[in-house]
Amino acid sequence: MERNTLRPFPAAVTLVMSDTGGYRRVNTAQDATETLLDHWPIRDGEAYLIAIQACLDAIMERVHPQAARNAFIKAAEEAGVSLLQ
């Protein structure tokens, strides 16, 4: 069985990245994982670790992408990363 590793979110999340002053649009669990691992302003925190696990679980089809999206948003709140709605 081939997996859909992108695992699209029901609705995209747009972040305001304070380090670059730009925006980052996150559409999938894979985008969220990359953002958390490569572009996140902090490397600790409970919500951060939960979000990484939730995104990996979504990629592996263990949880619905909405659960990963919710965890990603909580990690953004924890890190002080602003969201555009």
PDB file of N, CA and C in Angstrom:
ATOM      1  N   MET A   1       0.844  -1.177   0.000  1.00  0.00           N
ATOM      2  CA  MET A   1       0.000   0.000   0.000  1.00  0.00           C
ATOM      3  C   MET A   1       0.893   1.244   0.000  1.00  0.00           C
ATOM      4  N   GLU A   2       0.616   2.147  -0.899  1.00  0.00           N
ATOM      5  CA  GLU A   2       1.367   3.394  -0.958  1.00  0.00           C
ATOM      6  C   GLU A   2       0.674   4.444  -0.095  1.00  0.00           C
ATOM      7  N   ARG A   3       1.454   5.122   0.717  1.00  0.00           N
ATOM      8  CA  ARG A   3       0.901   6.125   1.625  1.00  0.00           C
ATOM      9  C   ARG A   3       0.849   7.491   0.960  1.00  0.00           C
ATOM     10  N   ASN A   4      -0.154   8.268   1.332  1.00  0.00           N
ATOM     11  CA  ASN A   4      -0.222   9.666   0.939  1.00  0.00           C
ATOM     12  C   ASN A   4       0.515  10.454   2.013  1.00  0.00           C
ATOM     13  N   THR A   5       1.813  10.621   1.849  1.00  0.00           N
ATOM     14  CA  THR A   5       2.623  11.232   2.896  1.00  0.00           C
ATOM     15  C   THR A   5       2.352  12.720   3.069  1.00  0.00           C
ATOM     16  N   LEU A   6       1.675  13.341   2.131  1.00  0.00           N
ATOM     17  CA  LEU A   6       1.384  14.768   2.277  1.00  0.00           C
ATOM     18  C   LEU A   6       0.333  15.008   3.348  1.00  0.00           C
ATOM     19  N   ARG A   7      -0.689  14.180   3.408  1.00  0.00           N
ATOM     20  CA  ARG A   7      -1.767  14.281   4.385  1.00  0.00           C
ATOM     21  C   ARG A   7      -2.263  15.719   4.529  1.00  0.00           C
ATOM     22  N   PRO A   8      -3.020  16.200   3.555  1.00  0.00           N
ATOM     23  CA  PRO A   8      -3.472  17.598   3.572  1.00  0.00           C
ATOM     24  C   PRO A   8      -4.335  17.935   4.778  1.00  0.00           C
ATOM     25  N   PHE A   9      -4.124  19.147   5.284  1.00  0.00           N
ATOM     26  CA  PHE A   9      -4.956  19.677   6.353  1.00  0.00           C
ATOM     27  C   PHE A   9      -6.318  20.075   5.776  1.00  0.00           C
ATOM     28  N   PRO A  10      -7.367  20.043   6.594  1.00  0.00           N
ATOM     29  CA  PRO A  10      -8.678  20.508   6.134  1.00  0.00           C
ATOM     30  C   PRO A  10      -8.646  21.981   5.714  1.00  0.00           C
ATOM     31  N   ALA A  11      -7.800  22.766   6.369  1.00  0.00           N
ATOM     32  CA  ALA A  11      -7.614  24.186   6.015  1.00  0.00           C
ATOM     33  C   ALA A  11      -6.163  24.546   6.313  1.00  0.00           C
ATOM     34  N   ALA A  12      -5.570  25.310   5.433  1.00  0.00           N
ATOM     35  CA  ALA A  12      -4.171  25.698   5.599  1.00  0.00           C
ATOM     36  C   ALA A  12      -3.999  26.584   6.840  1.00  0.00           C
ATOM     37  N   VAL A  13      -2.785  26.587   7.367  1.00  0.00           N
ATOM     38  CA  VAL A  13      -2.401  27.455   8.481  1.00  0.00           C
ATOM     39  C   VAL A  13      -1.325  28.399   7.938  1.00  0.00           C
ATOM     40  N   THR A  14      -1.519  29.696   8.125  1.00  0.00           N
ATOM     41  CA  THR A  14      -0.520  30.669   7.690  1.00  0.00           C
ATOM     42  C   THR A  14       0.124  31.291   8.913  1.00  0.00           C
ATOM     43  N   LEU A  15       1.434  31.159   8.987  1.00  0.00           N
ATOM     44  CA  LEU A  15       2.212  31.659  10.116  1.00  0.00           C
ATOM     45  C   LEU A  15       2.905  32.960   9.748  1.00  0.00           C
ATOM     46  N   VAL A  16       3.074  33.834  10.730  1.00  0.00           N
ATOM     47  CA  VAL A  16       3.899  35.023  10.579  1.00  0.00           C
ATOM     48  C   VAL A  16       5.216  34.690  11.262  1.00  0.00           C
ATOM     49  N   MET A  17       6.257  34.521  10.468  1.00  0.00           N
ATOM     50  CA  MET A  17       7.558  34.111  10.994  1.00  0.00           C
ATOM     51  C   MET A  17       8.348  35.349  11.396  1.00  0.00           C
ATOM     52  N   SER A  18       8.546  35.532  12.688  1.00  0.00           N
ATOM     53  CA  SER A  18       9.191  36.742  13.198  1.00  0.00           C
ATOM     54  C   SER A  18      10.663  36.820  12.815  1.00  0.00           C
ATOM     55  N   ASP A  19      11.322  35.679  12.629  1.00  0.00           N
ATOM     56  CA  ASP A  19      12.745  35.714  12.296  1.00  0.00           C
ATOM     57  C   ASP A  19      13.001  36.260  10.892  1.00  0.00           C
ATOM     58  N   THR A  20      12.071  36.028   9.967  1.00  0.00           N
ATOM     59  CA  THR A  20      12.242  36.513   8.594  1.00  0.00           C
ATOM     60  C   THR A  20      11.283  37.649   8.260  1.00  0.00           C
ATOM     61  N   GLY A  21      10.267  37.829   9.077  1.00  0.00           N
ATOM     62  CA  GLY A  21       9.261  38.831   8.794  1.00  0.00           C
ATOM     63  C   GLY A  21       8.307  38.419   7.697  1.00  0.00           C
ATOM     64  N   GLY A  22       8.452  37.188   7.235  1.00  0.00           N
ATOM     65  CA  GLY A  22       7.597  36.698   6.157  1.00  0.00           C
ATOM     66  C   GLY A  22       6.498  35.795   6.667  1.00  0.00           C
ATOM     67  N   TYR A  23       5.789  35.256   5.701  1.00  0.00           N
ATOM     68  CA  TYR A  23       4.693  34.351   6.000  1.00  0.00           C
ATOM     69  C   TYR A  23       5.071  32.952   5.542  1.00  0.00           C
ATOM     70  N   ARG A  24       4.514  31.973   6.218  1.00  0.00           N
ATOM     71  CA  ARG A  24       4.720  30.585   5.823  1.00  0.00           C
ATOM     72  C   ARG A  24       3.370  29.898   5.843  1.00  0.00           C
ATOM     73  N   ARG A  25       2.978  29.373   4.695  1.00  0.00           N
ATOM     74  CA  ARG A  25       1.701  28.675   4.571  1.00  0.00           C
ATOM     75  C   ARG A  25       1.957  27.177   4.720  1.00  0.00           C
ATOM     76  N   VAL A  26       1.224  26.568   5.631  1.00  0.00           N
ATOM     77  CA  VAL A  26       1.372  25.146   5.929  1.00  0.00           C
ATOM     78  C   VAL A  26       0.072  24.456   5.543  1.00  0.00           C
ATOM     79  N   ASN A  27       0.160  23.573   4.544  1.00  0.00           N
ATOM     80  CA  ASN A  27      -1.024  22.912   3.996  1.00  0.00           C
ATOM     81  C   ASN A  27      -1.159  21.440   4.380  1.00  0.00           C
ATOM     82  N   THR A  28      -0.049  20.831   4.798  1.00  0.00           N
ATOM     83  CA  THR A  28      -0.058  19.384   5.016  1.00  0.00           C
ATOM     84  C   THR A  28       0.706  19.025   6.287  1.00  0.00           C
ATOM     85  N   ALA A  29       0.529  17.793   6.728  1.00  0.00           N
ATOM     86  CA  ALA A  29       1.298  17.299   7.873  1.00  0.00           C
ATOM     87  C   ALA A  29       2.786  17.286   7.551  1.00  0.00           C
ATOM     88  N   GLN A  30       3.126  17.008   6.311  1.00  0.00           N
ATOM     89  CA  GLN A  30       4.528  17.017   5.915  1.00  0.00           C
ATOM     90  C   GLN A  30       5.096  18.444   5.982  1.00  0.00           C
ATOM     91  N   ASP A  31       4.339  19.443   5.497  1.00  0.00           N
ATOM     92  CA  ASP A  31       4.765  20.846   5.615  1.00  0.00           C
ATOM     93  C   ASP A  31       4.961  21.230   7.082  1.00  0.00           C
ATOM     94  N   ALA A  32       4.031  20.810   7.916  1.00  0.00           N
ATOM     95  CA  ALA A  32       4.097  21.155   9.340  1.00  0.00           C
ATOM     96  C   ALA A  32       5.318  20.527   9.992  1.00  0.00           C
ATOM     97  N   THR A  33       5.602  19.272   9.665  1.00  0.00           N
ATOM     98  CA  THR A  33       6.777  18.607  10.228  1.00  0.00           C
ATOM     99  C   THR A  33       8.049  19.330   9.817  1.00  0.00           C
ATOM    100  N   GLU A  34       8.160  19.667   8.549  1.00  0.00           N
ATOM    101  CA  GLU A  34       9.338  20.397   8.060  1.00  0.00           C
ATOM    102  C   GLU A  34       9.474  21.747   8.756  1.00  0.00           C
ATOM    103  N   THR A  35       8.365  22.439   8.916  1.00  0.00           N
ATOM    104  CA  THR A  35       8.388  23.746   9.574  1.00  0.00           C
ATOM    105  C   THR A  35       8.849  23.613  11.023  1.00  0.00           C
ATOM    106  N   LEU A  36       8.305  22.628  11.720  1.00  0.00           N
ATOM    107  CA  LEU A  36       8.685  22.420  13.121  1.00  0.00           C
ATOM    108  C   LEU A  36      10.160  22.059  13.265  1.00  0.00           C
ATOM    109  N   LEU A  37      10.655  21.223  12.379  1.00  0.00           N
ATOM    110  CA  LEU A  37      12.032  20.747  12.505  1.00  0.00           C
ATOM    111  C   LEU A  37      13.072  21.729  11.962  1.00  0.00           C
ATOM    112  N   ASP A  38      12.712  22.473  10.927  1.00  0.00           N
ATOM    113  CA  ASP A  38      13.709  23.308  10.243  1.00  0.00           C
ATOM    114  C   ASP A  38      13.537  24.814  10.425  1.00  0.00           C
ATOM    115  N   HIS A  39      12.354  25.267  10.820  1.00  0.00           N
ATOM    116  CA  HIS A  39      12.092  26.704  10.830  1.00  0.00           C
ATOM    117  C   HIS A  39      11.470  27.216  12.123  1.00  0.00           C
ATOM    118  N   TRP A  40      11.437  26.389  13.145  1.00  0.00           N
ATOM    119  CA  TRP A  40      10.732  26.754  14.375  1.00  0.00           C
ATOM    120  C   TRP A  40      11.633  27.584  15.282  1.00  0.00           C
ATOM    121  N   PRO A  41      11.080  28.604  15.959  1.00  0.00           N
ATOM    122  CA  PRO A  41      11.920  29.490  16.782  1.00  0.00           C
ATOM    123  C   PRO A  41      12.407  28.868  18.095  1.00  0.00           C
ATOM    124  N   ILE A  42      11.736  27.820  18.575  1.00  0.00           N
ATOM    125  CA  ILE A  42      12.185  27.157  19.800  1.00  0.00           C
ATOM    126  C   ILE A  42      12.294  25.657  19.539  1.00  0.00           C
ATOM    127  N   ARG A  43      13.116  24.998  20.312  1.00  0.00           N
ATOM    128  CA  ARG A  43      13.331  23.566  20.120  1.00  0.00           C
ATOM    129  C   ARG A  43      12.884  22.738  21.321  1.00  0.00           C
ATOM    130  N   ASP A  44      12.111  23.348  22.178  1.00  0.00           N
ATOM    131  CA  ASP A  44      11.604  22.599  23.322  1.00  0.00           C
ATOM    132  C   ASP A  44      10.175  23.037  23.576  1.00  0.00           C
ATOM    133  N   GLY A  45       9.602  22.477  24.559  1.00  0.00           N
ATOM    134  CA  GLY A  45       8.217  22.785  24.887  1.00  0.00           C
ATOM    135  C   GLY A  45       7.344  21.572  24.651  1.00  0.00           C
ATOM    136  N   GLU A  46       6.398  21.404  25.517  1.00  0.00           N
ATOM    137  CA  GLU A  46       5.511  20.242  25.441  1.00  0.00           C
ATOM    138  C   GLU A  46       4.684  20.241  24.164  1.00  0.00           C
ATOM    139  N   ALA A  47       4.094  21.381  23.820  1.00  0.00           N
ATOM    140  CA  ALA A  47       3.256  21.450  22.617  1.00  0.00           C
ATOM    141  C   ALA A  47       4.077  21.204  21.354  1.00  0.00           C
ATOM    142  N   TYR A  48       5.323  21.673  21.346  1.00  0.00           N
ATOM    143  CA  TYR A  48       6.225  21.446  20.211  1.00  0.00           C
ATOM    144  C   TYR A  48       6.433  19.948  19.983  1.00  0.00           C
ATOM    145  N   LEU A  49       6.758  19.233  21.045  1.00  0.00           N
ATOM    146  CA  LEU A  49       7.003  17.798  20.924  1.00  0.00           C
ATOM    147  C   LEU A  49       5.732  17.032  20.549  1.00  0.00           C
ATOM    148  N   ILE A  50       4.614  17.435  21.119  1.00  0.00           N
ATOM    149  CA  ILE A  50       3.337  16.797  20.779  1.00  0.00           C
ATOM    150  C   ILE A  50       3.004  17.037  19.312  1.00  0.00           C
ATOM    151  N   ALA A  51       3.267  18.236  18.819  1.00  0.00           N
ATOM    152  CA  ALA A  51       2.973  18.554  17.422  1.00  0.00           C
ATOM    153  C   ALA A  51       3.820  17.725  16.459  1.00  0.00           C
ATOM    154  N   ILE A  52       5.095  17.574  16.774  1.00  0.00           N
ATOM    155  CA  ILE A  52       5.945  16.737  15.918  1.00  0.00           C
ATOM    156  C   ILE A  52       5.392  15.319  15.862  1.00  0.00           C
ATOM    157  N   GLN A  53       5.058  14.764  17.016  1.00  0.00           N
ATOM    158  CA  GLN A  53       4.523  13.404  17.043  1.00  0.00           C
ATOM    159  C   GLN A  53       3.198  13.310  16.293  1.00  0.00           C
ATOM    160  N   ALA A  54       2.317  14.280  16.480  1.00  0.00           N
ATOM    161  CA  ALA A  54       1.019  14.260  15.807  1.00  0.00           C
ATOM    162  C   ALA A  54       1.183  14.342  14.293  1.00  0.00           C
ATOM    163  N   CYS A  55       2.110  15.171  13.831  1.00  0.00           N
ATOM    164  CA  CYS A  55       2.338  15.287  12.389  1.00  0.00           C
ATOM    165  C   CYS A  55       2.899  13.991  11.814  1.00  0.00           C
ATOM    166  N   LEU A  56       3.843  13.386  12.518  1.00  0.00           N
ATOM    167  CA  LEU A  56       4.382  12.103  12.059  1.00  0.00           C
ATOM    168  C   LEU A  56       3.299  11.026  12.071  1.00  0.00           C
ATOM    169  N   ASP A  57       2.453  11.035  13.088  1.00  0.00           N
ATOM    170  CA  ASP A  57       1.342  10.085  13.138  1.00  0.00           C
ATOM    171  C   ASP A  57       0.368  10.304  11.981  1.00  0.00           C
ATOM    172  N   ALA A  58       0.136  11.555  11.622  1.00  0.00           N
ATOM    173  CA  ALA A  58      -0.751  11.848  10.488  1.00  0.00           C
ATOM    174  C   ALA A  58      -0.135  11.348   9.185  1.00  0.00           C
ATOM    175  N   ILE A  59       1.164  11.555   9.024  1.00  0.00           N
ATOM    176  CA  ILE A  59       1.844  11.065   7.822  1.00  0.00           C
ATOM    177  C   ILE A  59       1.733   9.549   7.727  1.00  0.00           C
ATOM    178  N   MET A  60       1.823   8.880   8.856  1.00  0.00           N
ATOM    179  CA  MET A  60       1.728   7.413   8.892  1.00  0.00           C
ATOM    180  C   MET A  60       0.278   6.928   8.929  1.00  0.00           C
ATOM    181  N   GLU A  61      -0.655   7.864   8.816  1.00  0.00           N
ATOM    182  CA  GLU A  61      -2.095   7.574   8.779  1.00  0.00           C
ATOM    183  C   GLU A  61      -2.614   6.943  10.063  1.00  0.00           C
ATOM    184  N   ARG A  62      -1.992   7.304  11.186  1.00  0.00           N
ATOM    185  CA  ARG A  62      -2.463   6.832  12.499  1.00  0.00           C
ATOM    186  C   ARG A  62      -3.482   7.782  13.108  1.00  0.00           C
ATOM    187  N   VAL A  63      -3.422   9.050  12.707  1.00  0.00           N
ATOM    188  CA  VAL A  63      -4.391  10.049  13.171  1.00  0.00           C
ATOM    189  C   VAL A  63      -4.838  10.877  11.975  1.00  0.00           C
ATOM    190  N   HIS A  64      -5.969  11.520  12.117  1.00  0.00           N
ATOM    191  CA  HIS A  64      -6.498  12.385  11.064  1.00  0.00           C
ATOM    192  C   HIS A  64      -5.642  13.653  10.979  1.00  0.00           C
ATOM    193  N   PRO A  65      -5.452  14.190   9.782  1.00  0.00           N
ATOM    194  CA  PRO A  65      -4.682  15.427   9.643  1.00  0.00           C
ATOM    195  C   PRO A  65      -5.195  16.582  10.509  1.00  0.00           C
ATOM    196  N   GLN A  66      -6.482  16.603  10.818  1.00  0.00           N
ATOM    197  CA  GLN A  66      -7.020  17.668  11.672  1.00  0.00           C
ATOM    198  C   GLN A  66      -6.380  17.637  13.056  1.00  0.00           C
ATOM    199  N   ALA A  67      -6.099  16.449  13.581  1.00  0.00           N
ATOM    200  CA  ALA A  67      -5.442  16.341  14.884  1.00  0.00           C
ATOM    201  C   ALA A  67      -4.034  16.924  14.812  1.00  0.00           C
ATOM    202  N   ALA A  68      -3.332  16.678  13.719  1.00  0.00           N
ATOM    203  CA  ALA A  68      -1.993  17.249  13.537  1.00  0.00           C
ATOM    204  C   ALA A  68      -2.077  18.763  13.398  1.00  0.00           C
ATOM    205  N   ARG A  69      -3.065  19.241  12.675  1.00  0.00           N
ATOM    206  CA  ARG A  69      -3.256  20.691  12.506  1.00  0.00           C
ATOM    207  C   ARG A  69      -3.505  21.355  13.858  1.00  0.00           C
ATOM    208  N   ASN A  70      -4.377  20.754  14.661  1.00  0.00           N
ATOM    209  CA  ASN A  70      -4.669  21.313  15.990  1.00  0.00           C
ATOM    210  C   ASN A  70      -3.416  21.360  16.858  1.00  0.00           C
ATOM    211  N   ALA A  71      -2.630  20.292  16.834  1.00  0.00           N
ATOM    212  CA  ALA A  71      -1.394  20.246  17.627  1.00  0.00           C
ATOM    213  C   ALA A  71      -0.394  21.278  17.119  1.00  0.00           C
ATOM    214  N   PHE A  72      -0.330  21.456  15.811  1.00  0.00           N
ATOM    215  CA  PHE A  72       0.568  22.442  15.205  1.00  0.00           C
ATOM    216  C   PHE A  72       0.196  23.856  15.659  1.00  0.00           C
ATOM    217  N   ILE A  73      -1.080  24.152  15.682  1.00  0.00           N
ATOM    218  CA  ILE A  73      -1.552  25.470  16.126  1.00  0.00           C
ATOM    219  C   ILE A  73      -1.204  25.688  17.600  1.00  0.00           C
ATOM    220  N   LYS A  74      -1.355  24.676  18.422  1.00  0.00           N
ATOM    221  CA  LYS A  74      -0.992  24.804  19.847  1.00  0.00           C
ATOM    222  C   LYS A  74       0.506  25.045  20.010  1.00  0.00           C
ATOM    223  N   ALA A  75       1.318  24.387  19.179  1.00  0.00           N
ATOM    224  CA  ALA A  75       2.765  24.613  19.225  1.00  0.00           C
ATOM    225  C   ALA A  75       3.098  26.046  18.817  1.00  0.00           C
ATOM    226  N   ALA A  76       2.368  26.578  17.844  1.00  0.00           N
ATOM    227  CA  ALA A  76       2.580  27.972  17.433  1.00  0.00           C
ATOM    228  C   ALA A  76       2.240  28.918  18.578  1.00  0.00           C
ATOM    229  N   GLU A  77       1.139  28.662  19.246  1.00  0.00           N
ATOM    230  CA  GLU A  77       0.754  29.491  20.395  1.00  0.00           C
ATOM    231  C   GLU A  77       1.818  29.430  21.480  1.00  0.00           C
ATOM    232  N   GLU A  78       2.321  28.232  21.759  1.00  0.00           N
ATOM    233  CA  GLU A  78       3.357  28.050  22.773  1.00  0.00           C
ATOM    234  C   GLU A  78       4.629  28.836  22.416  1.00  0.00           C
ATOM    235  N   ALA A  79       4.984  28.853  21.131  1.00  0.00           N
ATOM    236  CA  ALA A  79       6.210  29.504  20.682  1.00  0.00           C
ATOM    237  C   ALA A  79       6.040  31.005  20.421  1.00  0.00           C
ATOM    238  N   GLY A  80       4.808  31.500  20.520  1.00  0.00           N
ATOM    239  CA  GLY A  80       4.560  32.900  20.251  1.00  0.00           C
ATOM    240  C   GLY A  80       4.573  33.244  18.776  1.00  0.00           C
ATOM    241  N   VAL A  81       4.303  32.246  17.932  1.00  0.00           N
ATOM    242  CA  VAL A  81       4.234  32.454  16.492  1.00  0.00           C
ATOM    243  C   VAL A  81       2.798  32.850  16.139  1.00  0.00           C
ATOM    244  N   SER A  82       2.664  33.989  15.486  1.00  0.00           N
ATOM    245  CA  SER A  82       1.325  34.493  15.131  1.00  0.00           C
ATOM    246  C   SER A  82       0.752  33.730  13.943  1.00  0.00           C
ATOM    247  N   LEU A  83      -0.565  33.606  13.962  1.00  0.00           N
ATOM    248  CA  LEU A  83      -1.290  32.940  12.878  1.00  0.00           C
ATOM    249  C   LEU A  83      -2.193  33.946  12.173  1.00  0.00           C
ATOM    250  N   LEU A  84      -2.309  33.789  10.872  1.00  0.00           N
ATOM    251  CA  LEU A  84      -3.294  34.567  10.127  1.00  0.00           C
ATOM    252  C   LEU A  84      -4.512  33.668   9.928  1.00  0.00           C
ATOM    253  N   GLN A  85      -5.669  34.186  10.201  1.00  0.00           N
ATOM    254  CA  GLN A  85      -6.883  33.395  10.045  1.00  0.00           C
ATOM    255  C   GLN A  85      -7.700  33.901   8.891  1.00  0.00           C
TER     256      GLN A  85
END
